Amino acid sequence: SLVASLLQQGTLTEIYQKLKHSSMHDCGMVTLNASLSISLEYVKQNSLETIKFFKLMSLFPSGITKDAMEKIWGPKWSEHAINLQEASILSSKDGGDVLEENFSLVPFMVDHAINYLKDCDISVYHKKSCEFYAKKLEDLYTFDCNSGKEDCDSLVIPEEANILAILSHYWRTVLPEDGISISE
């Protein structure tokens, strides 16, 4: 599917030239990272909003549901998800319910998104993500866990990596802007 997404960006000869000039070779094979970087550059040329969406997705390493994304990004999130899926950068897993479909970046693209887009401002979406998870944690706090530890764990464990990523983004970007260091 990666080759198919690259072919949407130009002829085979053009893609070969881009890969040849922008990647490291290992036994004549072009790295996956170079292929995905070319796909990402293509997305960047066509939609800066999709690039912001890509950066936002780095805050959800364990994935995020359609329902949650609607609350954080708004109704146009799906067009950006489709753009990233066509570029083989975003994957989805069916959760059994249409609202439970889980979207996530291809695993190593999470770090790439964090580093690739240092200047990309997603503060509005980061704030909405914080508010979304604050509400989720508040709901969990009031949830009756008397039915069993497994019930509570099943609500928290899938979201743990996302909460840590959101906090980490805050520590890396918001606190330094306010003149506060983590060591304080």
N, C-alpha and C. Protein backbone atom coordinates (compact mmCIF):
# COMPACT_ATOMS: atom_id res chain seq x y z
N SER A 1 0.82 -1.20 0.00
CA SER A 1 0.00 0.00 0.00
C SER A 1 0.86 1.26 0.00
N LEU A 2 2.08 1.16 0.52
CA LEU A 2 2.96 2.33 0.52
C LEU A 2 3.34 2.70 -0.90
N VAL A 3 3.65 1.72 -1.73
CA VAL A 3 4.01 2.00 -3.12
C VAL A 3 2.84 2.64 -3.84
N ALA A 4 1.63 2.15 -3.59
CA ALA A 4 0.45 2.72 -4.24
C ALA A 4 0.27 4.18 -3.84
N SER A 5 0.50 4.50 -2.56
CA SER A 5 0.34 5.89 -2.14
C SER A 5 1.42 6.77 -2.77
N LEU A 6 2.61 6.24 -2.94
CA LEU A 6 3.66 7.02 -3.59
C LEU A 6 3.33 7.27 -5.06
N LEU A 7 2.72 6.28 -5.73
CA LEU A 7 2.40 6.44 -7.14
C LEU A 7 1.33 7.51 -7.39
N GLN A 8 0.57 7.85 -6.35
CA GLN A 8 -0.40 8.94 -6.48
C GLN A 8 0.32 10.29 -6.58
N GLN A 9 1.59 10.31 -6.19
CA GLN A 9 2.34 11.55 -6.12
C GLN A 9 3.19 11.82 -7.35
N GLY A 10 3.21 10.90 -8.29
CA GLY A 10 3.99 11.12 -9.50
C GLY A 10 4.21 9.81 -10.24
N THR A 11 4.95 9.90 -11.31
CA THR A 11 5.24 8.70 -12.08
C THR A 11 6.27 7.85 -11.34
N LEU A 12 6.40 6.63 -11.76
CA LEU A 12 7.36 5.72 -11.14
C LEU A 12 8.78 6.28 -11.24
N THR A 13 9.11 6.87 -12.38
CA THR A 13 10.43 7.46 -12.57
C THR A 13 10.64 8.63 -11.61
N GLU A 14 9.64 9.49 -11.46
CA GLU A 14 9.76 10.63 -10.54
C GLU A 14 9.92 10.17 -9.10
N ILE A 15 9.14 9.17 -8.72
CA ILE A 15 9.22 8.65 -7.35
C ILE A 15 10.60 8.02 -7.12
N TYR A 16 11.08 7.26 -8.11
CA TYR A 16 12.40 6.65 -7.98
C TYR A 16 13.48 7.72 -7.77
N GLN A 17 13.41 8.81 -8.52
CA GLN A 17 14.39 9.89 -8.38
C GLN A 17 14.33 10.52 -6.99
N LYS A 18 13.12 10.74 -6.48
CA LYS A 18 12.96 11.31 -5.13
C LYS A 18 13.55 10.38 -4.08
N LEU A 19 13.24 9.11 -4.20
CA LEU A 19 13.74 8.14 -3.24
C LEU A 19 15.26 8.01 -3.32
N LYS A 20 15.77 8.03 -4.53
CA LYS A 20 17.20 7.88 -4.76
C LYS A 20 17.97 9.05 -4.13
N HIS A 21 17.40 10.25 -4.22
CA HIS A 21 18.10 11.43 -3.72
C HIS A 21 17.85 11.72 -2.24
N SER A 22 16.84 11.11 -1.65
CA SER A 22 16.50 11.49 -0.28
C SER A 22 16.64 10.37 0.72
N SER A 23 17.24 9.26 0.34
CA SER A 23 17.26 8.15 1.29
C SER A 23 18.62 7.49 1.38
N MET A 24 18.73 6.70 2.42
CA MET A 24 19.91 5.86 2.58
C MET A 24 19.58 4.53 1.91
N HIS A 25 20.58 3.89 1.36
CA HIS A 25 20.37 2.60 0.71
C HIS A 25 20.96 1.49 1.58
N ASP A 26 20.27 0.40 1.66
CA ASP A 26 20.74 -0.77 2.37
C ASP A 26 20.55 -1.95 1.43
N CYS A 27 21.66 -2.43 0.89
CA CYS A 27 21.61 -3.53 -0.08
C CYS A 27 20.71 -3.18 -1.26
N GLY A 28 20.75 -1.92 -1.69
CA GLY A 28 19.95 -1.51 -2.83
C GLY A 28 18.49 -1.24 -2.50
N MET A 29 18.09 -1.43 -1.26
CA MET A 29 16.68 -1.21 -0.88
C MET A 29 16.54 0.17 -0.24
N VAL A 30 15.51 0.89 -0.62
CA VAL A 30 15.24 2.20 -0.04
C VAL A 30 14.54 1.99 1.30
N THR A 31 14.91 2.78 2.28
CA THR A 31 14.33 2.59 3.61
C THR A 31 12.86 3.01 3.63
N LEU A 32 12.14 2.38 4.55
CA LEU A 32 10.74 2.72 4.77
C LEU A 32 10.61 4.17 5.22
N ASN A 33 11.53 4.60 6.04
CA ASN A 33 11.50 5.96 6.54
C ASN A 33 11.54 6.98 5.40
N ALA A 34 12.39 6.75 4.42
CA ALA A 34 12.49 7.67 3.28
C ALA A 34 11.19 7.69 2.50
N SER A 35 10.58 6.53 2.30
CA SER A 35 9.32 6.46 1.56
C SER A 35 8.22 7.24 2.27
N LEU A 36 8.14 7.05 3.59
CA LEU A 36 7.11 7.76 4.35
C LEU A 36 7.40 9.26 4.40
N SER A 37 8.66 9.63 4.44
CA SER A 37 9.02 11.06 4.43
C SER A 37 8.58 11.73 3.13
N ILE A 38 8.75 11.03 2.02
CA ILE A 38 8.30 11.57 0.74
C ILE A 38 6.78 11.71 0.74
N SER A 39 6.09 10.70 1.26
CA SER A 39 4.63 10.79 1.35
C SER A 39 4.21 11.98 2.21
N LEU A 40 4.91 12.18 3.30
CA LEU A 40 4.59 13.29 4.19
C LEU A 40 4.84 14.64 3.53
N GLU A 41 5.92 14.75 2.77
CA GLU A 41 6.19 15.99 2.03
C GLU A 41 5.08 16.27 1.02
N TYR A 42 4.59 15.24 0.38
CA TYR A 42 3.48 15.39 -0.56
C TYR A 42 2.24 15.90 0.15
N VAL A 43 1.93 15.32 1.31
CA VAL A 43 0.78 15.76 2.10
C VAL A 43 0.97 17.22 2.50
N LYS A 44 2.18 17.58 2.92
CA LYS A 44 2.48 18.95 3.35
C LYS A 44 2.25 19.96 2.22
N GLN A 45 2.62 19.58 1.01
CA GLN A 45 2.43 20.47 -0.14
C GLN A 45 0.95 20.68 -0.47
N ASN A 46 0.13 19.70 -0.13
CA ASN A 46 -1.28 19.76 -0.51
C ASN A 46 -2.22 20.23 0.59
N SER A 47 -1.81 20.12 1.86
CA SER A 47 -2.71 20.51 2.94
C SER A 47 -1.96 20.75 4.24
N LEU A 48 -1.79 22.02 4.58
CA LEU A 48 -1.13 22.35 5.84
C LEU A 48 -1.99 21.96 7.04
N GLU A 49 -3.30 21.96 6.89
CA GLU A 49 -4.18 21.54 7.97
C GLU A 49 -4.00 20.04 8.25
N THR A 50 -3.78 19.26 7.21
CA THR A 50 -3.54 17.83 7.41
C THR A 50 -2.22 17.63 8.15
N ILE A 51 -1.24 18.49 7.91
CA ILE A 51 0.03 18.42 8.63
C ILE A 51 -0.19 18.73 10.11
N LYS A 52 -1.04 19.70 10.43
CA LYS A 52 -1.38 19.97 11.83
C LYS A 52 -2.06 18.75 12.45
N PHE A 53 -2.92 18.12 11.68
CA PHE A 53 -3.61 16.92 12.14
C PHE A 53 -2.58 15.81 12.41
N PHE A 54 -1.60 15.67 11.52
CA PHE A 54 -0.52 14.70 11.69
C PHE A 54 0.21 14.96 13.01
N LYS A 55 0.54 16.21 13.27
CA LYS A 55 1.22 16.58 14.52
C LYS A 55 0.33 16.25 15.71
N LEU A 56 -0.95 16.57 15.63
CA LEU A 56 -1.87 16.27 16.71
C LEU A 56 -1.92 14.77 16.98
N MET A 57 -1.89 13.97 15.94
CA MET A 57 -1.95 12.52 16.11
C MET A 57 -0.76 11.98 16.91
N SER A 58 0.34 12.75 16.98
CA SER A 58 1.48 12.31 17.79
C SER A 58 1.13 12.32 19.27
N LEU A 59 0.06 13.01 19.64
CA LEU A 59 -0.36 13.03 21.04
C LEU A 59 -1.18 11.80 21.41
N PHE A 60 -1.45 10.94 20.45
CA PHE A 60 -2.28 9.75 20.70
C PHE A 60 -1.57 8.48 20.23
N PRO A 61 -0.43 8.15 20.85
CA PRO A 61 0.32 6.98 20.39
C PRO A 61 -0.45 5.66 20.51
N SER A 62 -1.41 5.61 21.43
CA SER A 62 -2.21 4.37 21.52
C SER A 62 -3.48 4.48 20.70
N GLY A 63 -3.60 5.54 19.92
CA GLY A 63 -4.75 5.71 19.03
C GLY A 63 -5.86 6.51 19.66
N ILE A 64 -6.81 6.87 18.83
CA ILE A 64 -7.93 7.68 19.29
C ILE A 64 -9.17 7.31 18.46
N THR A 65 -10.31 7.34 19.08
CA THR A 65 -11.55 6.96 18.40
C THR A 65 -12.12 8.12 17.59
N LYS A 66 -13.03 7.78 16.69
CA LYS A 66 -13.72 8.80 15.89
C LYS A 66 -14.44 9.80 16.79
N ASP A 67 -15.12 9.28 17.79
CA ASP A 67 -15.89 10.12 18.70
C ASP A 67 -14.98 11.12 19.41
N ALA A 68 -13.85 10.65 19.90
CA ALA A 68 -12.91 11.54 20.59
C ALA A 68 -12.33 12.56 19.63
N MET A 69 -11.98 12.14 18.42
CA MET A 69 -11.40 13.07 17.45
C MET A 69 -12.40 14.14 17.06
N GLU A 70 -13.65 13.76 16.95
CA GLU A 70 -14.71 14.74 16.64
C GLU A 70 -14.75 15.83 17.72
N LYS A 71 -14.60 15.43 18.97
CA LYS A 71 -14.65 16.39 20.08
C LYS A 71 -13.41 17.27 20.12
N ILE A 72 -12.27 16.74 19.71
CA ILE A 72 -11.02 17.50 19.79
C ILE A 72 -10.79 18.35 18.55
N TRP A 73 -10.94 17.78 17.36
CA TRP A 73 -10.63 18.48 16.10
C TRP A 73 -11.86 19.15 15.50
N GLY A 74 -13.01 18.50 15.63
CA GLY A 74 -14.21 19.01 15.00
C GLY A 74 -14.60 18.16 13.80
N PRO A 75 -15.64 18.56 13.07
CA PRO A 75 -16.20 17.71 12.02
C PRO A 75 -15.30 17.44 10.82
N LYS A 76 -14.29 18.25 10.59
CA LYS A 76 -13.46 18.06 9.39
C LYS A 76 -12.26 17.13 9.62
N TRP A 77 -12.19 16.51 10.80
CA TRP A 77 -11.05 15.64 11.10
C TRP A 77 -10.93 14.50 10.10
N SER A 78 -12.07 13.98 9.63
CA SER A 78 -12.04 12.78 8.79
C SER A 78 -11.35 13.01 7.45
N GLU A 79 -11.46 14.21 6.89
CA GLU A 79 -10.78 14.46 5.60
C GLU A 79 -9.26 14.40 5.78
N HIS A 80 -8.77 14.85 6.94
CA HIS A 80 -7.34 14.78 7.20
C HIS A 80 -6.90 13.34 7.47
N ALA A 81 -7.76 12.60 8.16
CA ALA A 81 -7.47 11.18 8.41
C ALA A 81 -7.38 10.43 7.08
N ILE A 82 -8.27 10.71 6.17
CA ILE A 82 -8.25 10.05 4.86
C ILE A 82 -6.96 10.40 4.11
N ASN A 83 -6.56 11.69 4.14
CA ASN A 83 -5.31 12.09 3.47
C ASN A 83 -4.12 11.32 4.02
N LEU A 84 -4.05 11.15 5.34
CA LEU A 84 -2.93 10.44 5.95
C LEU A 84 -3.02 8.93 5.70
N GLN A 85 -4.23 8.40 5.65
CA GLN A 85 -4.39 6.98 5.34
C GLN A 85 -3.95 6.69 3.90
N GLU A 86 -4.31 7.57 2.98
CA GLU A 86 -3.92 7.39 1.58
C GLU A 86 -2.41 7.45 1.42
N ALA A 87 -1.73 8.18 2.33
CA ALA A 87 -0.27 8.27 2.28
C ALA A 87 0.39 7.16 3.11
N SER A 88 -0.41 6.23 3.61
CA SER A 88 0.08 5.10 4.43
C SER A 88 0.77 5.56 5.71
N ILE A 89 0.32 6.66 6.27
CA ILE A 89 0.91 7.21 7.49
C ILE A 89 -0.01 6.95 8.69
N LEU A 90 -1.30 6.89 8.47
CA LEU A 90 -2.28 6.68 9.53
C LEU A 90 -2.95 5.34 9.31
N SER A 91 -3.12 4.60 10.40
CA SER A 91 -3.81 3.32 10.29
C SER A 91 -5.05 3.35 11.17
N SER A 92 -5.96 2.42 10.91
CA SER A 92 -7.17 2.33 11.72
C SER A 92 -7.45 0.87 12.04
N LYS A 93 -8.06 0.70 13.20
CA LYS A 93 -8.47 -0.64 13.64
C LYS A 93 -9.92 -0.56 14.06
N ASP A 94 -10.69 -1.52 13.61
CA ASP A 94 -12.11 -1.57 13.94
C ASP A 94 -12.28 -2.02 15.38
N GLY A 95 -13.04 -1.23 16.14
CA GLY A 95 -13.30 -1.58 17.52
C GLY A 95 -14.63 -2.27 17.71
N GLY A 96 -15.29 -2.65 16.65
CA GLY A 96 -16.57 -3.33 16.75
C GLY A 96 -17.75 -2.39 16.60
N ASP A 97 -17.58 -1.15 16.97
CA ASP A 97 -18.62 -0.13 16.87
C ASP A 97 -18.04 0.97 15.99
N VAL A 98 -18.88 1.57 15.17
CA VAL A 98 -18.39 2.59 14.22
C VAL A 98 -17.70 3.74 14.96
N LEU A 99 -18.15 4.09 16.15
CA LEU A 99 -17.51 5.16 16.91
C LEU A 99 -16.25 4.69 17.63
N GLU A 100 -16.07 3.38 17.73
CA GLU A 100 -14.92 2.83 18.43
C GLU A 100 -13.75 2.54 17.50
N GLU A 101 -13.89 2.81 16.21
CA GLU A 101 -12.76 2.62 15.31
C GLU A 101 -11.62 3.48 15.84
N ASN A 102 -10.43 2.88 15.94
CA ASN A 102 -9.29 3.54 16.56
C ASN A 102 -8.27 3.92 15.49
N PHE A 103 -7.89 5.19 15.46
CA PHE A 103 -6.92 5.70 14.49
C PHE A 103 -5.60 5.97 15.18
N SER A 104 -4.51 5.59 14.54
CA SER A 104 -3.19 5.88 15.10
C SER A 104 -2.18 6.02 13.98
N LEU A 105 -1.10 6.73 14.27
CA LEU A 105 -0.02 6.84 13.31
C LEU A 105 0.70 5.50 13.24
N VAL A 106 1.33 5.26 12.10
CA VAL A 106 2.22 4.11 12.00
C VAL A 106 3.24 4.31 13.13
N PRO A 107 3.52 3.27 13.95
CA PRO A 107 4.25 3.46 15.21
C PRO A 107 5.47 4.38 15.19
N PHE A 108 6.43 4.20 14.29
CA PHE A 108 7.61 5.06 14.37
C PHE A 108 7.33 6.49 13.89
N MET A 109 6.16 6.72 13.31
CA MET A 109 5.81 8.07 12.85
C MET A 109 5.43 8.98 14.01
N VAL A 110 5.12 8.42 15.18
CA VAL A 110 4.78 9.26 16.33
C VAL A 110 5.98 10.15 16.67
N ASP A 111 7.15 9.56 16.84
CA ASP A 111 8.35 10.36 17.13
C ASP A 111 8.69 11.28 15.97
N HIS A 112 8.50 10.79 14.77
CA HIS A 112 8.76 11.60 13.58
C HIS A 112 7.86 12.85 13.58
N ALA A 113 6.61 12.68 13.95
CA ALA A 113 5.67 13.81 13.98
C ALA A 113 6.09 14.83 15.03
N ILE A 114 6.53 14.36 16.16
CA ILE A 114 6.96 15.26 17.23
C ILE A 114 8.16 16.09 16.78
N ASN A 115 9.14 15.45 16.18
CA ASN A 115 10.37 16.13 15.78
C ASN A 115 10.25 16.89 14.46
N TYR A 116 9.48 16.36 13.54
CA TYR A 116 9.35 16.92 12.20
C TYR A 116 8.67 18.29 12.21
N LEU A 117 7.79 18.48 13.14
CA LEU A 117 6.94 19.67 13.10
C LEU A 117 7.09 20.55 14.34
N LYS A 118 8.30 20.82 14.74
CA LYS A 118 8.52 21.62 15.94
C LYS A 118 7.85 22.99 15.84
N ASP A 119 7.79 23.57 14.65
CA ASP A 119 7.21 24.91 14.48
C ASP A 119 5.72 24.90 14.21
N CYS A 120 5.13 23.74 14.11
CA CYS A 120 3.71 23.63 13.79
C CYS A 120 2.90 23.86 15.07
N ASP A 121 2.09 24.91 15.08
CA ASP A 121 1.32 25.27 16.27
C ASP A 121 0.02 24.48 16.33
N ILE A 122 -0.07 23.63 17.33
CA ILE A 122 -1.31 22.87 17.56
C ILE A 122 -1.88 23.19 18.93
N SER A 123 -1.54 24.38 19.47
CA SER A 123 -1.92 24.71 20.84
C SER A 123 -3.43 24.64 21.08
N VAL A 124 -4.22 25.05 20.10
CA VAL A 124 -5.68 24.98 20.26
C VAL A 124 -6.13 23.54 20.43
N TYR A 125 -5.58 22.65 19.61
CA TYR A 125 -5.96 21.24 19.67
C TYR A 125 -5.36 20.55 20.90
N HIS A 126 -4.18 21.00 21.29
CA HIS A 126 -3.58 20.45 22.50
C HIS A 126 -4.45 20.79 23.71
N LYS A 127 -4.93 22.02 23.76
CA LYS A 127 -5.81 22.44 24.86
C LYS A 127 -7.09 21.61 24.86
N LYS A 128 -7.67 21.41 23.69
CA LYS A 128 -8.88 20.59 23.61
C LYS A 128 -8.60 19.15 24.03
N SER A 129 -7.40 18.64 23.69
CA SER A 129 -7.02 17.29 24.10
C SER A 129 -6.91 17.21 25.62
N CYS A 130 -6.30 18.23 26.22
CA CYS A 130 -6.20 18.27 27.69
C CYS A 130 -7.58 18.29 28.33
N GLU A 131 -8.47 19.12 27.78
CA GLU A 131 -9.83 19.20 28.32
C GLU A 131 -10.57 17.87 28.15
N PHE A 132 -10.39 17.23 27.01
CA PHE A 132 -11.04 15.95 26.74
C PHE A 132 -10.59 14.91 27.77
N TYR A 133 -9.27 14.80 27.98
CA TYR A 133 -8.77 13.79 28.90
C TYR A 133 -9.02 14.17 30.36
N ALA A 134 -9.07 15.46 30.68
CA ALA A 134 -9.43 15.87 32.04
C ALA A 134 -10.85 15.40 32.36
N LYS A 135 -11.74 15.57 31.40
CA LYS A 135 -13.12 15.11 31.58
C LYS A 135 -13.16 13.59 31.70
N LYS A 136 -12.39 12.92 30.87
CA LYS A 136 -12.36 11.46 30.91
C LYS A 136 -11.85 10.96 32.27
N LEU A 137 -10.80 11.60 32.79
CA LEU A 137 -10.27 11.22 34.10
C LEU A 137 -11.24 11.56 35.22
N GLU A 138 -11.93 12.68 35.07
CA GLU A 138 -12.95 13.04 36.06
C GLU A 138 -14.07 11.99 36.08
N ASP A 139 -14.51 11.58 34.90
CA ASP A 139 -15.53 10.52 34.81
C ASP A 139 -15.02 9.22 35.42
N LEU A 140 -13.76 8.91 35.20
CA LEU A 140 -13.19 7.70 35.77
C LEU A 140 -13.13 7.79 37.29
N TYR A 141 -12.79 8.98 37.79
CA TYR A 141 -12.69 9.18 39.23
C TYR A 141 -14.04 8.91 39.90
N THR A 142 -15.11 9.27 39.22
CA THR A 142 -16.44 9.08 39.80
C THR A 142 -17.04 7.72 39.41
N PHE A 143 -16.33 6.96 38.58
CA PHE A 143 -16.82 5.65 38.15
C PHE A 143 -16.79 4.68 39.32
N ASP A 144 -17.78 3.85 39.43
CA ASP A 144 -17.85 2.86 40.50
C ASP A 144 -17.01 1.65 40.12
N CYS A 145 -15.84 1.57 40.71
CA CYS A 145 -14.93 0.46 40.41
C CYS A 145 -15.17 -0.73 41.33
N ASN A 146 -16.25 -0.72 42.07
CA ASN A 146 -16.53 -1.83 42.98
C ASN A 146 -16.79 -3.12 42.23
N SER A 147 -17.15 -3.02 40.95
CA SER A 147 -17.44 -4.22 40.17
C SER A 147 -16.18 -5.02 39.85
N GLY A 148 -15.04 -4.40 40.04
CA GLY A 148 -13.79 -5.13 39.82
C GLY A 148 -12.70 -4.26 39.27
N LYS A 149 -11.47 -4.55 39.68
CA LYS A 149 -10.30 -3.79 39.24
C LYS A 149 -10.15 -3.85 37.71
N GLU A 150 -10.50 -4.98 37.11
CA GLU A 150 -10.35 -5.14 35.67
C GLU A 150 -11.17 -4.10 34.91
N ASP A 151 -12.37 -3.77 35.44
CA ASP A 151 -13.20 -2.78 34.78
C ASP A 151 -12.51 -1.42 34.75
N CYS A 152 -11.94 -1.01 35.86
CA CYS A 152 -11.23 0.26 35.93
C CYS A 152 -9.98 0.24 35.05
N ASP A 153 -9.23 -0.86 35.14
CA ASP A 153 -8.02 -0.97 34.33
C ASP A 153 -8.33 -0.88 32.84
N SER A 154 -9.44 -1.49 32.43
CA SER A 154 -9.79 -1.47 31.00
C SER A 154 -10.15 -0.07 30.53
N LEU A 155 -10.50 0.82 31.44
CA LEU A 155 -10.81 2.19 31.07
C LEU A 155 -9.55 3.07 31.03
N VAL A 156 -8.56 2.76 31.85
CA VAL A 156 -7.37 3.60 31.97
C VAL A 156 -6.22 3.15 31.08
N ILE A 157 -5.91 1.87 31.10
CA ILE A 157 -4.71 1.37 30.45
C ILE A 157 -4.63 1.76 28.96
N PRO A 158 -5.70 1.63 28.18
CA PRO A 158 -5.58 2.03 26.76
C PRO A 158 -5.29 3.52 26.56
N GLU A 159 -5.63 4.34 27.53
CA GLU A 159 -5.45 5.79 27.39
C GLU A 159 -4.16 6.30 28.03
N GLU A 160 -3.47 5.46 28.77
CA GLU A 160 -2.30 5.89 29.53
C GLU A 160 -1.23 6.54 28.65
N ALA A 161 -0.89 5.92 27.54
CA ALA A 161 0.14 6.46 26.65
C ALA A 161 -0.28 7.81 26.07
N ASN A 162 -1.57 7.97 25.78
CA ASN A 162 -2.06 9.25 25.25
C ASN A 162 -1.95 10.35 26.30
N ILE A 163 -2.33 10.05 27.53
CA ILE A 163 -2.26 11.04 28.60
C ILE A 163 -0.81 11.46 28.83
N LEU A 164 0.10 10.50 28.83
CA LEU A 164 1.52 10.82 29.01
C LEU A 164 2.05 11.66 27.84
N ALA A 165 1.63 11.36 26.63
CA ALA A 165 2.08 12.13 25.46
C ALA A 165 1.57 13.56 25.52
N ILE A 166 0.34 13.74 25.96
CA ILE A 166 -0.23 15.09 26.08
C ILE A 166 0.51 15.88 27.16
N LEU A 167 0.79 15.24 28.29
CA LEU A 167 1.55 15.91 29.35
C LEU A 167 2.97 16.23 28.90
N SER A 168 3.59 15.30 28.19
CA SER A 168 4.95 15.51 27.70
C SER A 168 5.00 16.69 26.73
N HIS A 169 4.01 16.79 25.85
CA HIS A 169 3.94 17.93 24.92
C HIS A 169 3.83 19.23 25.71
N TYR A 170 3.03 19.22 26.74
CA TYR A 170 2.86 20.40 27.61
C TYR A 170 4.20 20.78 28.24
N TRP A 171 4.91 19.78 28.79
CA TRP A 171 6.19 20.06 29.44
C TRP A 171 7.24 20.57 28.46
N ARG A 172 7.21 20.06 27.20
CA ARG A 172 8.19 20.47 26.20
C ARG A 172 7.88 21.82 25.57
N THR A 173 6.60 22.18 25.47
CA THR A 173 6.25 23.38 24.69
C THR A 173 5.64 24.50 25.52
N VAL A 174 4.67 24.22 26.33
CA VAL A 174 3.94 25.28 27.03
C VAL A 174 4.74 25.83 28.20
N LEU A 175 5.28 24.96 29.04
CA LEU A 175 6.02 25.43 30.21
C LEU A 175 7.22 26.31 29.83
N PRO A 176 8.06 25.89 28.86
CA PRO A 176 9.19 26.77 28.47
C PRO A 176 8.72 28.13 27.96
N GLU A 177 7.60 28.17 27.24
CA GLU A 177 7.08 29.46 26.74
C GLU A 177 6.69 30.37 27.90
N ASP A 178 6.26 29.79 29.01
CA ASP A 178 5.88 30.56 30.19
C ASP A 178 7.07 30.84 31.10
N GLY A 179 8.27 30.44 30.66
CA GLY A 179 9.48 30.67 31.45
C GLY A 179 9.63 29.69 32.60
N ILE A 180 8.95 28.57 32.54
CA ILE A 180 9.01 27.58 33.60
C ILE A 180 9.75 26.35 33.08
N SER A 181 10.69 25.86 33.87
CA SER A 181 11.36 24.63 33.48
C SER A 181 10.82 23.48 34.30
N ILE A 182 10.95 22.29 33.80
CA ILE A 182 10.43 21.11 34.48
C ILE A 182 11.11 20.93 35.83
N SER A 183 12.36 21.34 35.95
CA SER A 183 13.10 21.16 37.20
C SER A 183 12.60 22.07 38.31
N GLU A 184 11.87 23.13 37.96
CA GLU A 184 11.34 24.03 38.99
C GLU A 184 10.24 23.32 39.69
